[in-house]
């Protein structure tokens, strides 16, 4: 079942980026890799999501992260075209994924 779920996420048309609780990019699906490669960001794994956006967007991402971390009932935060969803297990916040 795990391989099937991985295959589904890898082949989604939406770009999915998983970012850990320290704002480090840990995963991009195939659509996200193509999206960022076209914008000359070919290798983002291990880099801070805050290292390639402007300060205004970084502040919004940081605010959204705090909101998601501190409000267990919050299901997502929208920043322009980007929707950010928390990743939790047993109420522990592990990070978030962005749908672009």
N, C-alpha and C. Protein backbone atom coordinates (compact mmCIF):
# COMPACT_ATOMS: atom_id res chain seq x y z
N UNK A 1 0.82 -1.20 0.00
CA UNK A 1 0.00 0.00 0.00
C UNK A 1 0.86 1.27 0.00
N UNK A 2 1.99 1.23 0.73
CA UNK A 2 2.85 2.41 0.80
C UNK A 2 3.38 2.79 -0.58
N UNK A 3 3.78 1.81 -1.39
CA UNK A 3 4.27 2.09 -2.73
C UNK A 3 3.20 2.73 -3.59
N UNK A 4 1.97 2.29 -3.42
CA UNK A 4 0.86 2.86 -4.19
C UNK A 4 0.67 4.32 -3.81
N UNK A 5 0.69 4.64 -2.51
CA UNK A 5 0.52 6.02 -2.07
C UNK A 5 1.66 6.91 -2.56
N UNK A 6 2.87 6.40 -2.49
CA UNK A 6 4.02 7.17 -3.00
C UNK A 6 3.85 7.44 -4.49
N UNK A 7 3.43 6.44 -5.23
CA UNK A 7 3.22 6.59 -6.67
C UNK A 7 2.14 7.63 -6.97
N UNK A 8 1.09 7.64 -6.18
CA UNK A 8 0.02 8.62 -6.37
C UNK A 8 0.56 10.04 -6.18
N UNK A 9 1.26 10.26 -5.07
CA UNK A 9 1.79 11.60 -4.77
C UNK A 9 2.82 12.02 -5.81
N UNK A 10 3.71 11.10 -6.19
CA UNK A 10 4.75 11.41 -7.18
C UNK A 10 4.15 11.87 -8.51
N UNK A 11 3.01 11.31 -8.88
CA UNK A 11 2.44 11.57 -10.20
C UNK A 11 1.26 12.54 -10.20
N UNK A 12 1.02 13.20 -9.08
CA UNK A 12 -0.04 14.21 -9.03
C UNK A 12 0.31 15.38 -9.94
N UNK A 13 -0.70 16.00 -10.52
CA UNK A 13 -0.49 17.18 -11.35
C UNK A 13 -0.12 18.40 -10.51
N UNK A 14 -0.66 18.46 -9.28
CA UNK A 14 -0.33 19.55 -8.37
C UNK A 14 1.09 19.38 -7.87
N UNK A 15 1.78 20.51 -7.69
CA UNK A 15 3.12 20.48 -7.13
C UNK A 15 3.01 20.40 -5.61
N UNK A 16 3.68 19.41 -5.02
CA UNK A 16 3.66 19.21 -3.58
C UNK A 16 5.08 19.31 -3.04
N UNK A 17 5.26 20.17 -2.03
CA UNK A 17 6.56 20.36 -1.39
C UNK A 17 6.36 20.13 0.10
N UNK A 18 7.12 19.18 0.69
CA UNK A 18 7.06 18.98 2.14
C UNK A 18 8.23 19.71 2.78
N UNK A 19 7.92 20.50 3.80
CA UNK A 19 8.89 21.31 4.52
C UNK A 19 8.80 20.93 5.99
N UNK A 20 9.96 20.66 6.64
CA UNK A 20 9.91 20.25 8.04
C UNK A 20 9.65 21.46 8.95
N UNK A 21 9.57 21.19 10.23
CA UNK A 21 9.23 22.24 11.19
C UNK A 21 10.27 23.35 11.28
N UNK A 22 11.46 23.12 10.71
CA UNK A 22 12.53 24.12 10.71
C UNK A 22 12.65 24.84 9.36
N UNK A 23 11.62 24.69 8.52
CA UNK A 23 11.54 25.30 7.19
C UNK A 23 12.55 24.75 6.19
N UNK A 24 12.99 23.51 6.40
CA UNK A 24 13.89 22.85 5.48
C UNK A 24 13.09 21.97 4.53
N UNK A 25 13.34 22.10 3.24
CA UNK A 25 12.62 21.31 2.24
C UNK A 25 13.12 19.87 2.31
N UNK A 26 12.19 18.93 2.47
CA UNK A 26 12.54 17.52 2.60
C UNK A 26 12.04 16.66 1.44
N UNK A 27 11.05 17.17 0.69
CA UNK A 27 10.49 16.35 -0.39
C UNK A 27 9.81 17.24 -1.42
N UNK A 28 9.97 16.90 -2.69
CA UNK A 28 9.22 17.51 -3.79
C UNK A 28 8.70 16.38 -4.66
N UNK A 29 7.43 16.44 -5.05
CA UNK A 29 6.96 15.44 -6.01
C UNK A 29 7.44 15.83 -7.40
N UNK A 30 7.17 14.98 -8.39
CA UNK A 30 7.67 15.23 -9.75
C UNK A 30 7.22 16.57 -10.31
N UNK A 31 5.96 16.94 -10.07
CA UNK A 31 5.45 18.23 -10.57
C UNK A 31 6.20 19.39 -9.95
N UNK A 32 6.49 19.30 -8.65
CA UNK A 32 7.23 20.37 -7.97
C UNK A 32 8.66 20.47 -8.48
N UNK A 33 9.29 19.32 -8.72
CA UNK A 33 10.65 19.34 -9.26
C UNK A 33 10.68 20.06 -10.60
N UNK A 34 9.73 19.74 -11.48
CA UNK A 34 9.67 20.38 -12.80
C UNK A 34 9.38 21.88 -12.66
N UNK A 35 8.46 22.22 -11.77
CA UNK A 35 8.08 23.62 -11.53
C UNK A 35 9.31 24.44 -11.14
N UNK A 36 10.09 23.94 -10.18
CA UNK A 36 11.24 24.69 -9.69
C UNK A 36 12.43 24.62 -10.65
N UNK A 37 12.59 23.53 -11.37
CA UNK A 37 13.67 23.45 -12.36
C UNK A 37 13.49 24.51 -13.45
N UNK A 38 12.23 24.74 -13.86
CA UNK A 38 11.95 25.78 -14.86
C UNK A 38 12.32 27.17 -14.35
N UNK A 39 12.34 27.33 -13.04
CA UNK A 39 12.67 28.62 -12.42
C UNK A 39 14.12 28.66 -11.93
N UNK A 40 14.94 27.74 -12.43
CA UNK A 40 16.36 27.65 -12.10
C UNK A 40 16.64 27.35 -10.62
N UNK A 41 15.81 26.52 -10.02
CA UNK A 41 16.03 25.99 -8.68
C UNK A 41 16.01 24.47 -8.77
N UNK A 42 17.08 23.86 -9.32
CA UNK A 42 17.03 22.43 -9.61
C UNK A 42 17.14 21.51 -8.39
N UNK A 43 17.85 21.90 -7.35
CA UNK A 43 18.07 20.99 -6.22
C UNK A 43 17.74 21.69 -4.91
N UNK A 44 16.52 21.50 -4.44
CA UNK A 44 16.07 22.21 -3.24
C UNK A 44 16.06 21.37 -1.98
N UNK A 45 16.19 20.05 -2.11
CA UNK A 45 16.16 19.18 -0.93
C UNK A 45 17.28 19.59 0.03
N UNK A 46 16.91 19.79 1.30
CA UNK A 46 17.89 20.18 2.32
C UNK A 46 18.09 21.66 2.45
N UNK A 47 17.47 22.45 1.58
CA UNK A 47 17.61 23.91 1.64
C UNK A 47 16.41 24.51 2.35
N UNK A 48 16.61 25.69 2.91
CA UNK A 48 15.51 26.39 3.57
C UNK A 48 14.54 26.94 2.54
N UNK A 49 13.27 26.77 2.80
CA UNK A 49 12.25 27.33 1.92
C UNK A 49 12.33 28.86 1.93
N UNK A 50 12.95 29.40 2.96
CA UNK A 50 13.06 30.85 3.10
C UNK A 50 14.26 31.42 2.34
N UNK A 51 15.06 30.57 1.71
CA UNK A 51 16.29 31.05 1.07
C UNK A 51 16.10 31.55 -0.36
N UNK A 52 14.93 31.35 -0.95
CA UNK A 52 14.77 31.77 -2.34
C UNK A 52 13.50 32.57 -2.59
N UNK A 53 12.80 32.95 -1.56
CA UNK A 53 11.62 33.82 -1.70
C UNK A 53 11.99 35.23 -1.23
N UNK A 54 11.18 36.20 -1.62
CA UNK A 54 11.43 37.55 -1.13
C UNK A 54 10.99 37.66 0.34
N UNK A 55 11.42 38.71 1.00
CA UNK A 55 11.17 38.87 2.43
C UNK A 55 9.67 38.90 2.76
N UNK A 56 8.87 39.52 1.92
CA UNK A 56 7.43 39.60 2.15
C UNK A 56 6.81 38.20 2.20
N UNK A 57 7.15 37.36 1.22
CA UNK A 57 6.61 36.00 1.20
C UNK A 57 7.18 35.17 2.35
N UNK A 58 8.45 35.37 2.67
CA UNK A 58 9.05 34.66 3.80
C UNK A 58 8.32 34.96 5.10
N UNK A 59 7.98 36.22 5.31
CA UNK A 59 7.24 36.60 6.52
C UNK A 59 5.88 35.92 6.56
N UNK A 60 5.21 35.84 5.41
CA UNK A 60 3.92 35.17 5.34
C UNK A 60 4.04 33.68 5.61
N UNK A 61 5.09 33.06 5.07
CA UNK A 61 5.33 31.63 5.30
C UNK A 61 5.60 31.38 6.79
N UNK A 62 6.42 32.21 7.39
CA UNK A 62 6.72 32.06 8.81
C UNK A 62 5.48 32.26 9.67
N UNK A 63 4.65 33.24 9.33
CA UNK A 63 3.42 33.47 10.07
C UNK A 63 2.47 32.27 9.92
N UNK A 64 2.34 31.76 8.69
CA UNK A 64 1.49 30.60 8.44
C UNK A 64 1.99 29.38 9.21
N UNK A 65 3.31 29.20 9.25
CA UNK A 65 3.89 28.07 9.98
C UNK A 65 3.56 28.17 11.46
N UNK A 66 3.71 29.35 12.03
CA UNK A 66 3.37 29.54 13.46
C UNK A 66 1.89 29.26 13.70
N UNK A 67 1.04 29.74 12.82
CA UNK A 67 -0.40 29.52 12.97
C UNK A 67 -0.72 28.03 12.94
N UNK A 68 -0.14 27.31 11.98
CA UNK A 68 -0.41 25.88 11.85
C UNK A 68 0.16 25.09 13.03
N UNK A 69 1.31 25.51 13.51
CA UNK A 69 1.95 24.82 14.63
C UNK A 69 1.17 25.01 15.93
N UNK A 70 0.63 26.20 16.11
CA UNK A 70 -0.02 26.54 17.38
C UNK A 70 -1.52 26.33 17.42
N UNK A 71 -2.14 26.05 16.30
CA UNK A 71 -3.59 25.88 16.25
C UNK A 71 -3.92 24.51 15.65
N UNK A 72 -4.14 23.54 16.50
CA UNK A 72 -4.36 22.17 16.06
C UNK A 72 -5.59 22.04 15.16
N UNK A 73 -6.58 22.88 15.35
CA UNK A 73 -7.81 22.77 14.55
C UNK A 73 -7.69 23.43 13.17
N UNK A 74 -6.64 24.18 12.94
CA UNK A 74 -6.45 24.86 11.66
C UNK A 74 -6.03 23.84 10.60
N UNK A 75 -6.80 23.75 9.52
CA UNK A 75 -6.56 22.74 8.49
C UNK A 75 -5.62 23.20 7.39
N UNK A 76 -5.57 24.50 7.12
CA UNK A 76 -4.67 25.02 6.09
C UNK A 76 -4.63 26.54 6.17
N UNK A 77 -3.62 27.09 5.50
CA UNK A 77 -3.48 28.55 5.38
C UNK A 77 -3.19 28.83 3.91
N UNK A 78 -3.83 29.84 3.37
CA UNK A 78 -3.62 30.20 1.98
C UNK A 78 -2.79 31.48 1.90
N UNK A 79 -1.76 31.43 1.04
CA UNK A 79 -0.92 32.60 0.78
C UNK A 79 -0.90 32.77 -0.74
N UNK A 80 -1.71 33.65 -1.25
CA UNK A 80 -1.79 33.82 -2.69
C UNK A 80 -2.22 32.53 -3.37
N UNK A 81 -1.39 32.02 -4.30
CA UNK A 81 -1.70 30.78 -5.01
C UNK A 81 -1.26 29.54 -4.23
N UNK A 82 -0.57 29.75 -3.12
CA UNK A 82 -0.01 28.63 -2.35
C UNK A 82 -0.94 28.31 -1.18
N UNK A 83 -1.22 27.02 -1.02
CA UNK A 83 -1.98 26.57 0.13
C UNK A 83 -1.04 25.70 0.96
N UNK A 84 -0.99 25.97 2.28
CA UNK A 84 -0.09 25.28 3.19
C UNK A 84 -0.92 24.43 4.16
N UNK A 85 -0.56 23.14 4.26
CA UNK A 85 -1.28 22.20 5.11
C UNK A 85 -0.33 21.65 6.18
N UNK A 86 -0.78 21.54 7.43
CA UNK A 86 0.09 21.00 8.47
C UNK A 86 0.25 19.48 8.33
N UNK A 87 1.37 18.99 8.80
CA UNK A 87 1.61 17.55 8.91
C UNK A 87 1.80 17.27 10.39
N UNK A 88 0.84 16.53 10.96
CA UNK A 88 0.83 16.22 12.39
C UNK A 88 0.62 14.73 12.61
N UNK A 89 1.09 14.30 13.76
CA UNK A 89 0.78 12.96 14.23
C UNK A 89 0.64 13.06 15.74
N UNK A 90 -0.48 12.60 16.26
CA UNK A 90 -0.74 12.70 17.71
C UNK A 90 -0.48 14.11 18.22
N UNK A 91 -0.97 15.08 17.49
CA UNK A 91 -0.90 16.50 17.83
C UNK A 91 0.51 17.09 17.76
N UNK A 92 1.53 16.31 17.42
CA UNK A 92 2.88 16.85 17.23
C UNK A 92 3.00 17.38 15.81
N UNK A 93 3.52 18.58 15.69
CA UNK A 93 3.70 19.25 14.41
C UNK A 93 5.05 18.84 13.83
N UNK A 94 5.03 18.23 12.63
CA UNK A 94 6.26 17.79 11.97
C UNK A 94 6.68 18.70 10.83
N UNK A 95 5.81 19.58 10.43
CA UNK A 95 6.09 20.47 9.32
C UNK A 95 4.82 20.71 8.53
N UNK A 96 5.00 20.99 7.25
CA UNK A 96 3.85 21.30 6.42
C UNK A 96 4.16 20.95 4.99
N UNK A 97 3.10 20.81 4.22
CA UNK A 97 3.31 20.67 2.77
C UNK A 97 2.58 21.78 2.08
N UNK A 98 3.19 22.20 0.98
CA UNK A 98 2.63 23.29 0.19
C UNK A 98 2.11 22.71 -1.10
N UNK A 99 0.94 23.16 -1.48
CA UNK A 99 0.34 22.79 -2.75
C UNK A 99 0.41 24.02 -3.64
N UNK A 100 1.13 23.90 -4.73
CA UNK A 100 1.37 25.07 -5.59
C UNK A 100 0.62 24.90 -6.90
